[in-house]
Every structure is written in C-alpha cells, then in structure tokens.
Amino acid sequence: MKRILVIEDDPDIVELLRYNLEKEGFEVSSAGEGKSGLELLRQGNADLLILDLMLPQLSGLEVCKEIRKDDRLETLPVIVLTARGEETDRILGLELGADDYVTKPFSVREMVARVKALLRRAEREKDKDETKDVLSIGPLTIDPSSYRVQRGGEAIQLTALEFRLLHYLASRPNRVLTRDHLLDAVWGSERFVTPRSVDVYIRRLREKIEMDPVKPQFLKTLRGAGYSFETGAS
C-alpha cells in the first residue's frame, strides 16, 4: 500500500484528501505545519508528499528545500498546493524540486489522478534497466544507474526529475528539442505541467552544472525552437 503524507494546515482539506485517497487504497497521514511534517518525512514514512505552500512555523517552500537537500528524500514525488494567482510561488516550488502543483480550490478527482500518475512514473523509473552506459562529456559524468552527476569529480545534487531531463538531453547531443518534445519524453503522457516548467528546470540545471549559467557551455537555448545539449563536436 502506497503511503501519502499531506502537510496542510486546513483540517477540512486534510480530511477531504484523506477520505478520497483512502477510498483509492492509499494510506494517508498528515501534519498541520511544516516542521512536524518534515520530521515525519525524515522517518521514511511516505511514498509521495502533498505539500501546502502556506504553512505555519516552516513554509512549504522551506520544506521543499530541505527535502531536496536530503539524500534519502531527493527523489520523493512532491505535489505542491498553491492559492490561485500565486504564480511566483508555483514557479519557486518547481525550482525547489516539486514535481507538480495543484491550485486551490482544486478538483479531488484531478488530485487523485495526479497522485496516481506521479506514483506510476516513480515506479517506472525504479524498474528501468540499471545497466545503461555512463555518459562522460567533458568534465561531466552522468550515471543513470545511480542517478548521480559529477563535474570534475565533484558530486552535483539533482532531483530525479532534473536528472531525467539532463540525461535525456545529454543522450541526444547537439539536437534541438522542443519544450513539448521534452515534456512528452521526460514528464510523460500523464503530465500536468506546462511548457514553462521546462524553462524552470533548464534554469535550475544550468545553475548546477554550468560554470557560468549566464553563458552555458552545455545547455543551449535556440529561441523559438527549444533546447539542446552541446558537446562541442561538429
């Protein structure tokens, strides 16, 4: 039975989610504020997190940041809840490692569908062949068997989604790939995010793997077309 943790300070929303997710066969636990929710996560009792951004004691954005700094939680699927109109917070949530977002007020049916889609994607990633070749491109080493990236021998911490995007691009060097292509290939047919999400993740990857994110060596933009991973090879 998959375990869902809901960190949300509105008890009505918590009970609404609990009732509907338990009907679908999930085990649901909850926390009413960020600090205690983070402690529950660190106990390893969740397969997916539904996280409100506006929380007492520790905000959802801070919780998300702490999750992605923890080696045990960096691949945990996260859906953030935001109030309508909080576009900046939604983008920040994605930048800090959330996999998807849902805007309040939300459709319970849509939320359940997103939970199932993220869990299916996580299972597919676990089941993938772990004998894929390591990619070595200049100072970068990308190992799909361990989801680890190094630059000049120094480890770079990426979330699972960041890694999948980087590996997909690096596996197809010097090819321009559109945002829609990347959404279909990396996020999958069950995606709920928008093409703008690709821009957010590319920016995050540049900040992590490039020596100068403003003048990237690898992750290039072709305006109006998409992105490519450049190796310098002709």
Protein backbone atom coordinates (compact mmCIF):
# COMPACT_ATOMS: atom_id res chain seq x y z
CA MET A 1 0.00 0.00 0.00
CA LYS A 2 1.42 3.37 -1.06
CA ARG A 3 1.75 5.97 1.68
CA ILE A 4 0.77 9.59 1.13
CA LEU A 5 1.76 12.35 3.53
CA VAL A 6 -0.33 15.53 3.46
CA ILE A 7 1.23 18.64 5.04
CA GLU A 8 -1.64 21.12 5.20
CA ASP A 9 -2.93 23.39 7.97
CA ASP A 10 -6.58 23.40 6.82
CA PRO A 11 -8.22 20.40 8.55
CA ASP A 12 -11.11 20.37 6.05
CA ILE A 13 -8.73 19.95 3.12
CA VAL A 14 -6.81 17.27 5.00
CA GLU A 15 -9.96 15.25 5.66
CA LEU A 16 -11.17 15.71 2.09
CA LEU A 17 -7.88 14.35 0.77
CA ARG A 18 -7.72 11.59 3.37
CA TYR A 19 -11.23 10.33 2.59
CA ASN A 20 -10.76 10.27 -1.17
CA LEU A 21 -7.22 8.89 -1.20
CA GLU A 22 -8.07 6.14 1.27
CA LYS A 23 -11.00 5.20 -0.96
CA GLU A 24 -8.41 4.62 -3.70
CA GLY A 25 -6.39 2.30 -1.46
CA PHE A 26 -3.72 4.69 -0.20
CA GLU A 27 -2.52 5.01 3.37
CA VAL A 28 -2.74 8.67 4.38
CA SER A 29 -1.02 10.51 7.22
CA SER A 30 -0.92 14.24 7.84
CA ALA A 31 0.79 17.11 9.61
CA GLY A 32 -0.63 20.56 10.25
CA GLU A 33 2.61 22.51 9.98
CA GLY A 34 5.91 22.32 8.18
CA LYS A 35 8.30 21.39 10.96
CA SER A 36 6.45 18.29 12.19
CA GLY A 37 5.73 17.30 8.58
CA LEU A 38 9.43 17.40 7.77
CA GLU A 39 10.15 15.18 10.77
CA LEU A 40 7.61 12.63 9.53
CA LEU A 41 9.25 12.66 6.10
CA ARG A 42 12.66 12.03 7.60
CA GLN A 43 11.27 8.95 9.32
CA GLY A 44 10.77 7.49 5.85
CA ASN A 45 7.01 7.08 6.06
CA ALA A 46 5.90 8.44 2.68
CA ASP A 47 5.93 7.44 -0.99
CA LEU A 48 4.51 10.81 -2.08
CA LEU A 49 4.01 14.22 -0.48
CA ILE A 50 1.15 16.67 -0.94
CA LEU A 51 2.51 19.97 0.38
CA ASP A 52 0.72 23.24 1.04
CA LEU A 53 2.98 26.25 0.50
CA MET A 54 1.40 28.49 3.14
CA LEU A 55 2.21 26.72 6.41
CA PRO A 56 2.90 27.84 9.98
CA GLN A 57 6.37 27.51 11.55
CA LEU A 58 8.07 26.33 8.36
CA SER A 59 6.72 27.28 4.93
CA GLY A 60 6.10 24.73 2.21
CA LEU A 61 8.90 26.26 0.16
CA GLU A 62 11.32 25.74 3.05
CA VAL A 63 10.10 22.16 3.49
CA CYS A 64 10.66 21.52 -0.21
CA LYS A 65 14.16 22.97 0.01
CA GLU A 66 15.03 20.74 2.97
CA ILE A 67 13.65 17.65 1.22
CA ARG A 68 15.85 18.13 -1.82
CA LYS A 69 18.95 18.57 0.36
CA ASP A 70 18.34 15.16 1.97
CA ASP A 71 19.81 12.20 0.06
CA ARG A 72 17.01 9.94 1.34
CA LEU A 73 14.25 12.25 0.12
CA GLU A 74 15.66 13.83 -3.05
CA THR A 75 13.61 11.56 -5.34
CA LEU A 76 10.36 11.73 -3.32
CA PRO A 77 7.46 12.82 -5.59
CA VAL A 78 6.05 16.15 -4.39
CA ILE A 79 2.81 17.89 -5.35
CA VAL A 80 2.53 21.45 -4.04
CA LEU A 81 -0.77 23.18 -3.26
CA THR A 82 -0.97 26.89 -4.06
CA ALA A 83 -3.69 29.53 -3.89
CA ARG A 84 -4.99 30.83 -7.19
CA GLY A 85 -2.85 33.66 -8.54
CA GLU A 86 0.34 32.67 -6.66
CA GLU A 87 2.29 32.13 -9.88
CA THR A 88 5.58 33.20 -8.29
CA ASP A 89 5.18 30.60 -5.55
CA ARG A 90 4.32 27.90 -8.08
CA ILE A 91 7.49 28.66 -10.03
CA LEU A 92 9.53 28.73 -6.82
CA GLY A 93 8.06 25.38 -5.84
CA LEU A 94 9.16 23.86 -9.15
CA GLU A 95 12.58 25.47 -8.82
CA LEU A 96 12.99 23.93 -5.38
CA GLY A 97 12.19 20.45 -6.66
CA ALA A 98 8.42 19.95 -6.68
CA ASP A 99 7.19 17.60 -9.41
CA ASP A 100 3.75 19.11 -9.92
CA TYR A 101 1.39 21.71 -8.49
CA VAL A 102 -2.35 21.98 -7.91
CA THR A 103 -4.16 25.29 -7.49
CA LYS A 104 -6.77 25.80 -4.77
CA PRO A 105 -9.68 25.31 -4.95
CA PHE A 106 -8.99 22.00 -6.65
CA SER A 107 -10.86 19.05 -8.08
CA VAL A 108 -10.47 15.98 -5.88
CA ARG A 109 -10.68 13.76 -8.95
CA GLU A 110 -7.83 15.70 -10.57
CA MET A 111 -5.73 15.49 -7.42
CA VAL A 112 -6.19 11.71 -7.19
CA ALA A 113 -5.27 11.41 -10.88
CA ARG A 114 -2.09 13.40 -10.35
CA VAL A 115 -1.11 11.32 -7.32
CA LYS A 116 -1.55 8.11 -9.31
CA ALA A 117 0.35 9.49 -12.29
CA LEU A 118 3.34 10.55 -10.20
CA LEU A 119 3.47 7.23 -8.38
CA ARG A 120 3.30 5.30 -11.67
CA ARG A 121 6.14 7.39 -13.05
CA ALA A 122 8.22 6.79 -9.93
CA GLU A 123 7.65 3.03 -10.27
CA ARG A 124 8.66 3.07 -13.94
CA GLU A 125 11.88 4.83 -13.05
CA LYS A 126 12.71 2.19 -10.44
CA ASP A 127 12.06 -0.58 -12.92
CA LYS A 128 14.26 0.83 -15.67
CA ASP A 129 17.34 -1.08 -16.71
CA GLU A 130 20.24 -0.02 -14.49
CA THR A 131 22.95 -1.18 -16.89
CA LYS A 132 22.83 1.90 -19.11
CA ASP A 133 26.18 3.33 -20.01
CA VAL A 134 27.68 6.18 -18.04
CA LEU A 135 27.89 9.36 -20.10
CA SER A 136 31.19 11.24 -19.94
CA ILE A 137 31.07 14.63 -21.63
CA GLY A 138 33.95 16.97 -20.92
CA PRO A 139 34.10 17.43 -17.14
CA LEU A 140 30.60 15.92 -16.68
CA THR A 141 29.88 12.33 -15.73
CA ILE A 142 26.23 11.22 -15.82
CA ASP A 143 25.48 7.80 -14.31
CA PRO A 144 21.90 6.57 -14.95
CA SER A 145 22.30 3.53 -12.70
CA SER A 146 22.71 5.69 -9.60
CA TYR A 147 21.15 8.99 -10.73
CA ARG A 148 24.43 10.68 -9.94
CA VAL A 149 26.18 13.51 -11.75
CA GLN A 150 29.71 14.74 -11.23
CA ARG A 151 31.60 17.68 -12.60
CA GLY A 152 35.36 17.29 -12.46
CA GLY A 153 34.91 14.54 -9.88
CA GLU A 154 32.72 16.69 -7.62
CA ALA A 155 29.20 15.43 -6.98
CA ILE A 156 26.26 17.58 -8.12
CA GLN A 157 22.98 17.04 -6.33
CA LEU A 158 20.00 16.74 -8.67
CA THR A 159 16.41 15.71 -8.09
CA ALA A 160 15.12 12.69 -10.01
CA LEU A 161 13.27 14.89 -12.49
CA GLU A 162 16.28 17.14 -13.02
CA PHE A 163 18.39 14.06 -13.66
CA ARG A 164 15.92 12.59 -16.17
CA LEU A 165 15.84 15.87 -18.11
CA LEU A 166 19.63 16.21 -18.12
CA HIS A 167 20.17 12.58 -19.11
CA TYR A 168 17.60 12.79 -21.90
CA LEU A 169 19.25 15.87 -23.40
CA ALA A 170 22.80 14.59 -22.95
CA SER A 171 21.85 11.27 -24.58
CA ARG A 172 20.84 13.21 -27.69
CA PRO A 173 23.72 15.67 -28.06
CA ASN A 174 23.66 18.61 -30.45
CA ARG A 175 19.96 18.14 -31.28
CA VAL A 176 17.40 20.89 -30.71
CA LEU A 177 14.41 19.51 -28.79
CA THR A 178 11.21 21.48 -28.33
CA ARG A 179 9.57 22.05 -24.97
CA ASP A 180 6.64 19.86 -25.95
CA HIS A 181 9.02 17.09 -27.01
CA LEU A 182 10.79 17.26 -23.67
CA LEU A 183 7.51 17.30 -21.74
CA ASP A 184 6.32 14.17 -23.54
CA ALA A 185 9.66 12.37 -23.18
CA VAL A 186 10.62 13.32 -19.62
CA TRP A 187 7.32 14.10 -17.89
CA GLY A 188 5.33 11.55 -19.93
CA SER A 189 1.83 11.40 -21.35
CA GLU A 190 0.35 11.72 -17.86
CA ARG A 191 1.96 15.11 -17.32
CA PHE A 192 0.02 18.01 -15.89
CA VAL A 193 2.74 20.64 -16.01
CA THR A 194 3.08 23.30 -18.71
CA PRO A 195 5.83 24.06 -21.25
CA ARG A 196 7.04 26.83 -18.95
CA SER A 197 8.06 24.14 -16.46
CA VAL A 198 10.78 23.07 -18.90
CA ASP A 199 12.26 26.59 -18.74
CA VAL A 200 12.30 26.40 -14.94
CA TYR A 201 14.12 23.06 -14.92
CA ILE A 202 16.62 24.12 -17.57
CA ARG A 203 17.45 27.20 -15.49
CA ARG A 204 17.95 25.03 -12.41
CA LEU A 205 20.19 22.61 -14.30
CA ARG A 206 22.31 25.45 -15.64
CA GLU A 207 22.80 26.77 -12.12
CA LYS A 208 24.01 23.35 -11.02
CA ILE A 209 26.14 22.04 -13.91
CA GLU A 210 27.42 25.11 -15.73
CA MET A 211 30.46 27.09 -14.66
CA ASP A 212 28.66 30.22 -15.87
CA PRO A 213 24.87 29.75 -16.06
CA VAL A 214 24.51 33.03 -17.98
CA LYS A 215 26.87 31.75 -20.70
CA PRO A 216 26.21 28.00 -20.62
CA GLN A 217 28.66 25.57 -22.17
CA PHE A 218 26.26 22.64 -22.44
CA LEU A 219 22.58 23.60 -22.13
CA LYS A 220 21.88 25.93 -25.03
CA THR A 221 18.68 27.74 -25.99
CA LEU A 222 17.57 28.20 -29.58
CA ARG A 223 14.97 30.95 -29.32
CA GLY A 224 11.59 29.94 -30.67
CA ALA A 225 12.71 26.33 -31.08
CA GLY A 226 13.84 24.69 -27.86
CA TYR A 227 16.94 23.42 -26.08
CA SER A 228 19.98 21.34 -26.94
CA PHE A 229 22.87 19.77 -25.08
CA GLU A 230 26.02 20.88 -26.90
CA THR A 231 29.18 18.81 -26.75
CA GLY A 232 31.32 20.99 -29.00
CA ALA A 233 31.53 18.20 -31.56
CA SER A 234 30.92 19.18 -35.15
